[in-house]
Structure formats: structure tokens, C-alpha cells
Amino acid sequence: MMSTDPAPAPQASFSAGTFARITGRVQGVNYRNATKRQADELSLVGWVRNTEEAAVEVLVGGDGPAVDSLLSWCRSGPRRAEVESVDKREATVEELESLYATAERRLAGVDEIPMPDRWGGFRLVPERVEFWQGGPDRFHDRVECLLAGETWTARRLQP
């Protein structure tokens, strides 16, 4: 969940983090609250705040496509907003570590991290993987890797 205060919300890990500064008519039009709702729907963590210069700042972490989706939404914002620009940069290591540490504190003692309802899928556990690498004159190096217990072995198939 995302917070409207500069205190991040819980999630155990994420693959992308972005800081964005949104300018235009973005204060007094429910922009902060709407951004929080959008981020919560996308299972993102972070914060959103107003600045003294009448802009809105967002620090967000989560799944890469979800972060991109939120930033795309920020370009228009809620109905009454008039967004002039969304200046973004990759979040710094310190910013991401701060989000991660807060999420870990909030999830301390939780046996299973909650998963959004829209997530699903299955886990693949390969037993055999074959790699092909093209070589000169259309000859390919082929290597087969086999899993036996917890150990992988590799053997060349061709040439």
C-alpha cells in the first residue's frame, strides 16, 4: 500500500523504483489521494506528497510494469488535474533501501506475504535446459544441463 505521508508502505521486495515530480495544476484537485489509490490498486509501495512549490512528488517501488503504469497515469492524473510535466528519475539506492527497510519492519512476524488478488500463476522447476550458441559457418554449440537431485551437470551435444 502507498501512503500520502513520506512513510512508505509494506511490500517485501520490488524490481523497479522511481522518483517523479509532477507539475501543473496538481494541488487542490485530489491528485495525491488519487495517486495513492492508483498505486494501491497496482500493489506498489512508496509515498506521495505535496511540495511548497505547488508540485507533487512520488517515490514508488514495485513490479516494473506496475510502476510504468502508475507513471503513465500520472501524466493525466484525476479529472480536475492539469498536468504540465512529469519529471522522473530512477530512485536512488538509499531511497529504495528506505522503502525496503520500512516494508520489512511492517511485515516482521508475518508468515506469508500477502499477494494481490490479481496475481496468479505457477512455478516452473526445470529438470533439463539446452543452450544453443551460434558459431561461424552455421555450426552451433549445444550444451545440455541436467538436474540430478540438487546438482546440475552439463554436457556438450554438438559439435
N, C-alpha and C. Protein backbone atom coordinates (compact mmCIF):
# COMPACT_ATOMS: atom_id res chain seq x y z
N MET A 1 0.83 -1.18 0.00
CA MET A 1 0.00 0.00 0.00
C MET A 1 0.88 1.23 0.00
N MET A 2 0.37 2.28 -0.58
CA MET A 2 1.12 3.51 -0.66
C MET A 2 0.55 4.52 0.33
N SER A 3 1.38 5.42 0.79
CA SER A 3 0.99 6.39 1.79
C SER A 3 1.00 7.78 1.21
N THR A 4 0.13 8.65 1.73
CA THR A 4 0.18 10.05 1.32
C THR A 4 1.21 10.80 2.15
N ASP A 5 1.72 10.17 3.21
CA ASP A 5 2.79 10.75 4.02
C ASP A 5 4.11 10.20 3.52
N PRO A 6 5.23 10.86 3.89
CA PRO A 6 6.52 10.34 3.47
C PRO A 6 6.94 9.06 4.17
N ALA A 7 6.04 8.29 4.74
CA ALA A 7 6.36 7.00 5.33
C ALA A 7 5.92 5.91 4.38
N PRO A 8 6.82 5.07 3.88
CA PRO A 8 6.47 4.05 2.91
C PRO A 8 5.54 2.99 3.48
N ALA A 9 4.94 2.23 2.60
CA ALA A 9 4.01 1.19 2.99
C ALA A 9 4.59 -0.18 2.70
N PRO A 10 3.95 -1.27 3.17
CA PRO A 10 4.57 -2.59 3.14
C PRO A 10 4.58 -3.29 1.80
N GLN A 11 5.65 -3.95 1.53
CA GLN A 11 5.82 -4.96 0.50
C GLN A 11 7.24 -5.44 0.66
N ALA A 12 7.50 -6.70 0.41
CA ALA A 12 8.80 -7.25 0.76
C ALA A 12 9.89 -6.94 -0.24
N SER A 13 9.60 -6.90 -1.51
CA SER A 13 10.64 -6.63 -2.48
C SER A 13 10.01 -6.06 -3.74
N PHE A 14 10.85 -5.47 -4.58
CA PHE A 14 10.36 -4.91 -5.81
C PHE A 14 11.48 -4.84 -6.82
N SER A 15 11.08 -4.74 -8.09
CA SER A 15 12.08 -4.79 -9.15
C SER A 15 12.36 -3.42 -9.76
N ALA A 16 11.55 -2.42 -9.44
CA ALA A 16 11.75 -1.11 -10.03
C ALA A 16 11.40 -0.04 -9.01
N GLY A 17 12.11 1.06 -9.08
CA GLY A 17 11.82 2.19 -8.21
C GLY A 17 12.03 3.48 -8.96
N THR A 18 11.10 4.43 -8.77
CA THR A 18 11.15 5.68 -9.50
C THR A 18 10.74 6.83 -8.59
N PHE A 19 11.42 7.96 -8.76
CA PHE A 19 11.02 9.21 -8.12
C PHE A 19 10.49 10.09 -9.23
N ALA A 20 9.33 10.72 -9.00
CA ALA A 20 8.74 11.59 -10.03
C ALA A 20 8.27 12.89 -9.38
N ARG A 21 8.39 13.97 -10.13
CA ARG A 21 7.90 15.29 -9.71
C ARG A 21 6.90 15.72 -10.77
N ILE A 22 5.66 15.95 -10.33
CA ILE A 22 4.57 16.29 -11.24
C ILE A 22 4.22 17.76 -11.03
N THR A 23 4.22 18.54 -12.12
CA THR A 23 3.91 19.96 -12.02
C THR A 23 2.66 20.28 -12.83
N GLY A 24 2.11 21.45 -12.57
CA GLY A 24 0.88 21.90 -13.22
C GLY A 24 -0.16 22.17 -12.15
N ARG A 25 -1.40 22.05 -12.51
CA ARG A 25 -2.48 22.20 -11.52
C ARG A 25 -2.72 20.82 -10.89
N VAL A 26 -1.89 20.51 -9.87
CA VAL A 26 -1.93 19.19 -9.27
C VAL A 26 -2.18 19.23 -7.76
N GLN A 27 -2.34 20.40 -7.20
CA GLN A 27 -2.71 20.52 -5.79
C GLN A 27 -4.12 21.10 -5.71
N GLY A 28 -4.88 20.60 -4.74
CA GLY A 28 -6.26 21.04 -4.59
C GLY A 28 -7.22 20.38 -5.56
N VAL A 29 -6.76 19.33 -6.24
CA VAL A 29 -7.61 18.62 -7.22
C VAL A 29 -7.67 17.12 -6.92
N ASN A 30 -7.30 16.73 -5.69
CA ASN A 30 -7.35 15.33 -5.25
C ASN A 30 -6.26 14.47 -5.92
N TYR A 31 -5.20 15.11 -6.39
CA TYR A 31 -4.15 14.38 -7.11
C TYR A 31 -3.44 13.38 -6.20
N ARG A 32 -3.07 13.82 -4.99
CA ARG A 32 -2.34 12.95 -4.07
C ARG A 32 -3.15 11.71 -3.71
N ASN A 33 -4.39 11.90 -3.32
CA ASN A 33 -5.23 10.78 -2.92
C ASN A 33 -5.50 9.84 -4.10
N ALA A 34 -5.73 10.41 -5.27
CA ALA A 34 -5.98 9.58 -6.46
C ALA A 34 -4.73 8.78 -6.82
N THR A 35 -3.56 9.39 -6.66
CA THR A 35 -2.30 8.67 -6.94
C THR A 35 -2.13 7.51 -5.97
N LYS A 36 -2.44 7.74 -4.70
CA LYS A 36 -2.36 6.68 -3.71
C LYS A 36 -3.29 5.53 -4.07
N ARG A 37 -4.52 5.84 -4.47
CA ARG A 37 -5.47 4.77 -4.85
C ARG A 37 -4.95 3.99 -6.04
N GLN A 38 -4.42 4.69 -7.05
CA GLN A 38 -3.87 4.01 -8.22
C GLN A 38 -2.72 3.08 -7.82
N ALA A 39 -1.83 3.58 -6.97
CA ALA A 39 -0.68 2.78 -6.53
C ALA A 39 -1.13 1.57 -5.73
N ASP A 40 -2.12 1.76 -4.85
CA ASP A 40 -2.64 0.63 -4.07
C ASP A 40 -3.22 -0.45 -4.98
N GLU A 41 -3.96 -0.02 -6.01
CA GLU A 41 -4.54 -0.99 -6.96
C GLU A 41 -3.45 -1.77 -7.69
N LEU A 42 -2.29 -1.14 -7.89
CA LEU A 42 -1.18 -1.79 -8.59
C LEU A 42 -0.22 -2.50 -7.64
N SER A 43 -0.55 -2.53 -6.33
CA SER A 43 0.27 -3.18 -5.31
C SER A 43 1.67 -2.59 -5.22
N LEU A 44 1.75 -1.28 -5.32
CA LEU A 44 3.03 -0.58 -5.24
C LEU A 44 3.25 -0.07 -3.82
N VAL A 45 4.50 0.22 -3.49
CA VAL A 45 4.85 0.82 -2.20
C VAL A 45 5.47 2.18 -2.44
N GLY A 46 5.42 3.03 -1.42
CA GLY A 46 6.06 4.32 -1.55
C GLY A 46 5.29 5.41 -0.86
N TRP A 47 5.48 6.62 -1.33
CA TRP A 47 4.77 7.76 -0.78
C TRP A 47 4.50 8.79 -1.86
N VAL A 48 3.57 9.69 -1.56
CA VAL A 48 3.24 10.81 -2.43
C VAL A 48 3.01 12.02 -1.53
N ARG A 49 3.54 13.18 -1.94
CA ARG A 49 3.42 14.38 -1.09
C ARG A 49 3.34 15.64 -1.95
N ASN A 50 2.73 16.67 -1.37
CA ASN A 50 2.71 17.99 -1.98
C ASN A 50 4.01 18.70 -1.63
N THR A 51 4.45 19.61 -2.49
CA THR A 51 5.63 20.42 -2.21
C THR A 51 5.20 21.87 -2.02
N GLU A 52 6.08 22.67 -1.48
CA GLU A 52 5.80 24.09 -1.29
C GLU A 52 5.70 24.82 -2.62
N GLU A 53 6.27 24.26 -3.67
CA GLU A 53 6.24 24.89 -5.00
C GLU A 53 5.00 24.49 -5.79
N ALA A 54 3.99 23.93 -5.13
CA ALA A 54 2.72 23.53 -5.75
C ALA A 54 2.86 22.35 -6.70
N ALA A 55 3.88 21.55 -6.50
CA ALA A 55 4.06 20.32 -7.28
C ALA A 55 3.70 19.13 -6.39
N VAL A 56 3.71 17.94 -6.98
CA VAL A 56 3.52 16.70 -6.25
C VAL A 56 4.73 15.82 -6.52
N GLU A 57 5.26 15.19 -5.46
CA GLU A 57 6.38 14.26 -5.61
C GLU A 57 5.92 12.86 -5.24
N VAL A 58 6.45 11.88 -5.97
CA VAL A 58 6.10 10.48 -5.76
C VAL A 58 7.39 9.67 -5.72
N LEU A 59 7.51 8.82 -4.72
CA LEU A 59 8.56 7.80 -4.69
C LEU A 59 7.85 6.47 -4.65
N VAL A 60 8.09 5.65 -5.65
CA VAL A 60 7.32 4.41 -5.77
C VAL A 60 8.24 3.25 -6.11
N GLY A 61 7.95 2.09 -5.52
CA GLY A 61 8.69 0.87 -5.82
C GLY A 61 7.71 -0.27 -6.02
N GLY A 62 8.09 -1.23 -6.85
CA GLY A 62 7.23 -2.38 -7.11
C GLY A 62 7.63 -3.08 -8.38
N ASP A 63 6.70 -3.82 -8.92
CA ASP A 63 6.90 -4.53 -10.17
C ASP A 63 7.06 -3.51 -11.31
N GLY A 64 8.07 -3.69 -12.15
CA GLY A 64 8.38 -2.73 -13.22
C GLY A 64 7.19 -2.28 -14.05
N PRO A 65 6.39 -3.20 -14.62
CA PRO A 65 5.23 -2.78 -15.41
C PRO A 65 4.20 -2.01 -14.59
N ALA A 66 4.06 -2.34 -13.32
CA ALA A 66 3.10 -1.61 -12.47
C ALA A 66 3.59 -0.19 -12.22
N VAL A 67 4.90 -0.02 -12.00
CA VAL A 67 5.47 1.32 -11.82
C VAL A 67 5.25 2.13 -13.09
N ASP A 68 5.52 1.53 -14.25
CA ASP A 68 5.31 2.22 -15.53
C ASP A 68 3.84 2.62 -15.71
N SER A 69 2.94 1.75 -15.31
CA SER A 69 1.51 2.04 -15.42
C SER A 69 1.13 3.23 -14.56
N LEU A 70 1.65 3.30 -13.33
CA LEU A 70 1.35 4.44 -12.46
C LEU A 70 1.90 5.72 -13.06
N LEU A 71 3.12 5.70 -13.56
CA LEU A 71 3.71 6.90 -14.15
C LEU A 71 2.94 7.35 -15.38
N SER A 72 2.44 6.41 -16.14
CA SER A 72 1.60 6.75 -17.30
C SER A 72 0.32 7.45 -16.83
N TRP A 73 -0.29 6.91 -15.76
CA TRP A 73 -1.50 7.53 -15.21
C TRP A 73 -1.19 8.94 -14.70
N CYS A 74 -0.01 9.14 -14.10
CA CYS A 74 0.38 10.44 -13.56
C CYS A 74 0.42 11.54 -14.62
N ARG A 75 0.60 11.17 -15.88
CA ARG A 75 0.66 12.16 -16.96
C ARG A 75 -0.68 12.88 -17.16
N SER A 76 -1.77 12.24 -16.73
CA SER A 76 -3.08 12.91 -16.81
C SER A 76 -3.67 13.14 -15.43
N GLY A 77 -3.49 12.21 -14.51
CA GLY A 77 -3.98 12.37 -13.15
C GLY A 77 -5.49 12.32 -13.07
N PRO A 78 -6.06 12.78 -11.94
CA PRO A 78 -7.52 12.77 -11.79
C PRO A 78 -8.17 13.82 -12.70
N ARG A 79 -9.47 13.76 -12.79
CA ARG A 79 -10.23 14.58 -13.75
C ARG A 79 -9.91 16.07 -13.70
N ARG A 80 -9.82 16.67 -12.52
CA ARG A 80 -9.64 18.12 -12.43
C ARG A 80 -8.18 18.57 -12.54
N ALA A 81 -7.26 17.65 -12.61
CA ALA A 81 -5.84 18.00 -12.71
C ALA A 81 -5.49 18.48 -14.11
N GLU A 82 -4.50 19.36 -14.16
CA GLU A 82 -3.94 19.82 -15.43
C GLU A 82 -2.43 19.64 -15.35
N VAL A 83 -1.97 18.48 -15.74
CA VAL A 83 -0.55 18.13 -15.60
C VAL A 83 0.25 18.79 -16.71
N GLU A 84 1.29 19.51 -16.30
CA GLU A 84 2.19 20.13 -17.28
C GLU A 84 3.38 19.22 -17.58
N SER A 85 3.94 18.61 -16.53
CA SER A 85 5.09 17.74 -16.76
C SER A 85 5.21 16.69 -15.66
N VAL A 86 5.78 15.56 -16.05
CA VAL A 86 6.15 14.51 -15.10
C VAL A 86 7.63 14.26 -15.31
N ASP A 87 8.44 14.82 -14.42
CA ASP A 87 9.89 14.63 -14.48
C ASP A 87 10.22 13.45 -13.59
N LYS A 88 10.84 12.44 -14.16
CA LYS A 88 11.11 11.24 -13.38
C LYS A 88 12.59 10.88 -13.47
N ARG A 89 13.00 10.16 -12.47
CA ARG A 89 14.36 9.61 -12.44
C ARG A 89 14.31 8.29 -11.70
N GLU A 90 15.30 7.47 -11.93
CA GLU A 90 15.40 6.22 -11.20
C GLU A 90 15.64 6.53 -9.74
N ALA A 91 14.97 5.82 -8.86
CA ALA A 91 15.16 6.03 -7.43
C ALA A 91 16.59 5.68 -7.04
N THR A 92 17.13 6.41 -6.08
CA THR A 92 18.49 6.13 -5.61
C THR A 92 18.49 4.86 -4.77
N VAL A 93 19.67 4.30 -4.59
CA VAL A 93 19.80 3.11 -3.76
C VAL A 93 19.30 3.40 -2.36
N GLU A 94 19.62 4.57 -1.83
CA GLU A 94 19.18 4.94 -0.48
C GLU A 94 17.66 5.01 -0.39
N GLU A 95 17.02 5.57 -1.40
CA GLU A 95 15.55 5.66 -1.40
C GLU A 95 14.93 4.26 -1.43
N LEU A 96 15.47 3.39 -2.28
CA LEU A 96 14.93 2.03 -2.37
C LEU A 96 15.18 1.25 -1.08
N GLU A 97 16.37 1.41 -0.51
CA GLU A 97 16.65 0.72 0.75
C GLU A 97 15.73 1.20 1.86
N SER A 98 15.40 2.48 1.85
CA SER A 98 14.47 3.02 2.85
C SER A 98 13.09 2.39 2.70
N LEU A 99 12.61 2.28 1.46
CA LEU A 99 11.30 1.63 1.22
C LEU A 99 11.35 0.17 1.66
N TYR A 100 12.42 -0.50 1.30
CA TYR A 100 12.55 -1.93 1.63
C TYR A 100 12.61 -2.15 3.14
N ALA A 101 13.40 -1.32 3.84
CA ALA A 101 13.55 -1.48 5.29
C ALA A 101 12.21 -1.25 6.00
N THR A 102 11.48 -0.26 5.55
CA THR A 102 10.17 0.01 6.17
C THR A 102 9.22 -1.15 5.92
N ALA A 103 9.24 -1.69 4.71
CA ALA A 103 8.38 -2.83 4.40
C ALA A 103 8.76 -4.04 5.26
N GLU A 104 10.04 -4.27 5.45
CA GLU A 104 10.48 -5.40 6.30
C GLU A 104 10.02 -5.23 7.73
N ARG A 105 10.11 -4.01 8.26
CA ARG A 105 9.65 -3.75 9.64
C ARG A 105 8.16 -4.01 9.77
N ARG A 106 7.40 -3.54 8.79
CA ARG A 106 5.94 -3.71 8.87
C ARG A 106 5.50 -5.15 8.67
N LEU A 107 6.32 -5.94 8.00
CA LEU A 107 5.96 -7.34 7.75
C LEU A 107 6.65 -8.30 8.71
N ALA A 108 7.35 -7.78 9.70
CA ALA A 108 8.01 -8.64 10.69
C ALA A 108 6.96 -9.49 11.38
N GLY A 109 7.21 -10.79 11.45
CA GLY A 109 6.29 -11.71 12.10
C GLY A 109 5.19 -12.23 11.18
N VAL A 110 5.11 -11.74 9.96
CA VAL A 110 4.10 -12.22 9.01
C VAL A 110 4.67 -13.46 8.33
N ASP A 111 3.96 -14.58 8.44
CA ASP A 111 4.45 -15.84 7.87
C ASP A 111 4.44 -15.83 6.35
N GLU A 112 3.38 -15.32 5.78
CA GLU A 112 3.26 -15.32 4.33
C GLU A 112 2.92 -13.91 3.86
N ILE A 113 3.72 -13.38 2.95
CA ILE A 113 3.49 -12.03 2.44
C ILE A 113 2.24 -12.04 1.58
N PRO A 114 1.31 -11.12 1.83
CA PRO A 114 0.06 -11.10 1.06
C PRO A 114 0.34 -10.87 -0.43
N MET A 115 -0.42 -11.55 -1.25
CA MET A 115 -0.29 -11.44 -2.69
C MET A 115 -1.57 -10.80 -3.23
N PRO A 116 -1.45 -9.82 -4.13
CA PRO A 116 -2.66 -9.21 -4.69
C PRO A 116 -3.56 -10.26 -5.35
N ASP A 117 -4.87 -10.05 -5.28
CA ASP A 117 -5.84 -10.99 -5.85
C ASP A 117 -5.62 -11.20 -7.34
N ARG A 118 -5.13 -10.17 -8.03
CA ARG A 118 -4.98 -10.27 -9.49
C ARG A 118 -3.77 -11.09 -9.90
N TRP A 119 -2.91 -11.44 -8.94
CA TRP A 119 -1.73 -12.25 -9.25
C TRP A 119 -2.09 -13.72 -9.24
N GLY A 120 -1.44 -14.48 -10.09
CA GLY A 120 -1.65 -15.91 -10.14
C GLY A 120 -0.49 -16.54 -10.88
N GLY A 121 -0.62 -17.78 -11.19
CA GLY A 121 0.42 -18.42 -11.97
C GLY A 121 0.86 -19.73 -11.37
N PHE A 122 2.05 -20.16 -11.77
CA PHE A 122 2.58 -21.42 -11.32
C PHE A 122 4.09 -21.32 -11.29
N ARG A 123 4.73 -22.26 -10.65
CA ARG A 123 6.18 -22.27 -10.53
C ARG A 123 6.75 -23.35 -11.44
N LEU A 124 7.73 -23.00 -12.25
CA LEU A 124 8.42 -23.95 -13.11
C LEU A 124 9.69 -24.42 -12.43
N VAL A 125 9.91 -25.71 -12.40
CA VAL A 125 11.15 -26.27 -11.87
C VAL A 125 11.75 -27.12 -12.98
N PRO A 126 12.71 -26.56 -13.71
CA PRO A 126 13.27 -27.30 -14.85
C PRO A 126 14.12 -28.48 -14.40
N GLU A 127 14.10 -29.52 -15.20
CA GLU A 127 14.97 -30.69 -14.98
C GLU A 127 16.03 -30.77 -16.06
N ARG A 128 15.74 -30.12 -17.20
CA ARG A 128 16.66 -30.15 -18.33
C ARG A 128 16.58 -28.81 -19.05
N VAL A 129 17.76 -28.24 -19.38
CA VAL A 129 17.83 -27.00 -20.13
C VAL A 129 18.88 -27.19 -21.21
N GLU A 130 18.56 -26.75 -22.43
CA GLU A 130 19.52 -26.86 -23.52
C GLU A 130 19.83 -25.46 -24.04
N PHE A 131 21.13 -25.15 -24.16
CA PHE A 131 21.58 -23.86 -24.64
C PHE A 131 22.18 -24.03 -26.03
N TRP A 132 21.85 -23.11 -26.91
CA TRP A 132 22.41 -23.09 -28.25
C TRP A 132 23.14 -21.77 -28.42
N GLN A 133 24.34 -21.82 -28.99
CA GLN A 133 25.07 -20.61 -29.30
C GLN A 133 25.58 -20.72 -30.72
N GLY A 134 25.18 -19.75 -31.54
CA GLY A 134 25.57 -19.77 -32.94
C GLY A 134 27.06 -19.58 -33.11
N GLY A 135 27.62 -20.25 -34.06
CA GLY A 135 29.05 -20.13 -34.34
C GLY A 135 29.26 -19.80 -35.81
N PRO A 136 30.51 -19.66 -36.23
CA PRO A 136 30.79 -19.39 -37.64
C PRO A 136 30.37 -20.58 -38.51
N ASP A 137 30.06 -20.30 -39.75
CA ASP A 137 29.69 -21.34 -40.72
C ASP A 137 28.46 -22.13 -40.28
N ARG A 138 27.59 -21.51 -39.54
CA ARG A 138 26.30 -22.09 -39.13
C ARG A 138 26.45 -23.31 -38.23
N PHE A 139 27.61 -23.50 -37.63
CA PHE A 139 27.77 -24.55 -36.63
C PHE A 139 27.34 -23.97 -35.28
N HIS A 140 26.65 -24.75 -34.50
CA HIS A 140 26.16 -24.30 -33.21
C HIS A 140 26.79 -25.11 -32.09
N ASP A 141 27.13 -24.41 -31.02
CA ASP A 141 27.50 -25.10 -29.79
C ASP A 141 26.20 -25.40 -29.07
N ARG A 142 25.99 -26.66 -28.74
CA ARG A 142 24.81 -27.05 -27.99
C ARG A 142 25.26 -27.69 -26.69
N VAL A 143 24.73 -27.17 -25.57
CA VAL A 143 25.07 -27.69 -24.26
C VAL A 143 23.78 -28.05 -23.55
N GLU A 144 23.75 -29.28 -23.01
CA GLU A 144 22.59 -29.74 -22.26
C GLU A 144 22.95 -29.73 -20.78
N CYS A 145 22.07 -29.15 -19.95
CA CYS A 145 22.24 -29.15 -18.50
C CYS A 145 21.12 -29.97 -17.89
N LEU A 146 21.49 -30.93 -17.04
CA LEU A 146 20.52 -31.82 -16.40
C LEU A 146 20.58 -31.66 -14.89
N LEU A 147 19.40 -31.68 -14.27
CA LEU A 147 19.31 -31.58 -12.82
C LEU A 147 19.17 -32.99 -12.24
N ALA A 148 20.08 -33.34 -11.35
CA ALA A 148 20.02 -34.62 -10.65
C ALA A 148 20.04 -34.31 -9.15
N GLY A 149 18.89 -34.41 -8.51
CA GLY A 149 18.79 -34.01 -7.10
C GLY A 149 18.88 -32.51 -7.01
N GLU A 150 19.97 -32.02 -6.40
CA GLU A 150 20.18 -30.57 -6.30
C GLU A 150 21.41 -30.13 -7.09
N THR A 151 21.92 -31.02 -7.94
CA THR A 151 23.15 -30.74 -8.69
C THR A 151 22.86 -30.71 -10.18
N TRP A 152 23.41 -29.68 -10.84
CA TRP A 152 23.30 -29.57 -12.29
C TRP A 152 24.57 -30.11 -12.93
N THR A 153 24.41 -30.87 -13.99
CA THR A 153 25.56 -31.33 -14.78
C THR A 153 25.37 -30.83 -16.19
N ALA A 154 26.50 -30.56 -16.86
CA ALA A 154 26.44 -30.05 -18.22
C ALA A 154 27.23 -30.97 -19.12
N ARG A 155 26.72 -31.16 -20.35
CA ARG A 155 27.46 -31.93 -21.34
C ARG A 155 27.22 -31.31 -22.72
N ARG A 156 28.26 -31.34 -23.53
CA ARG A 156 28.18 -30.77 -24.88
C ARG A 156 27.49 -31.78 -25.79
N LEU A 157 26.51 -31.30 -26.55
CA LEU A 157 25.81 -32.14 -27.51
C LEU A 157 26.39 -32.01 -28.89
N GLN A 158 26.76 -30.79 -29.28
CA GLN A 158 27.32 -30.54 -30.60
C GLN A 158 28.20 -29.31 -30.52
N PRO A 159 29.16 -29.11 -31.34
CA PRO A 159 29.66 -30.02 -32.34
C PRO A 159 30.48 -31.13 -31.76
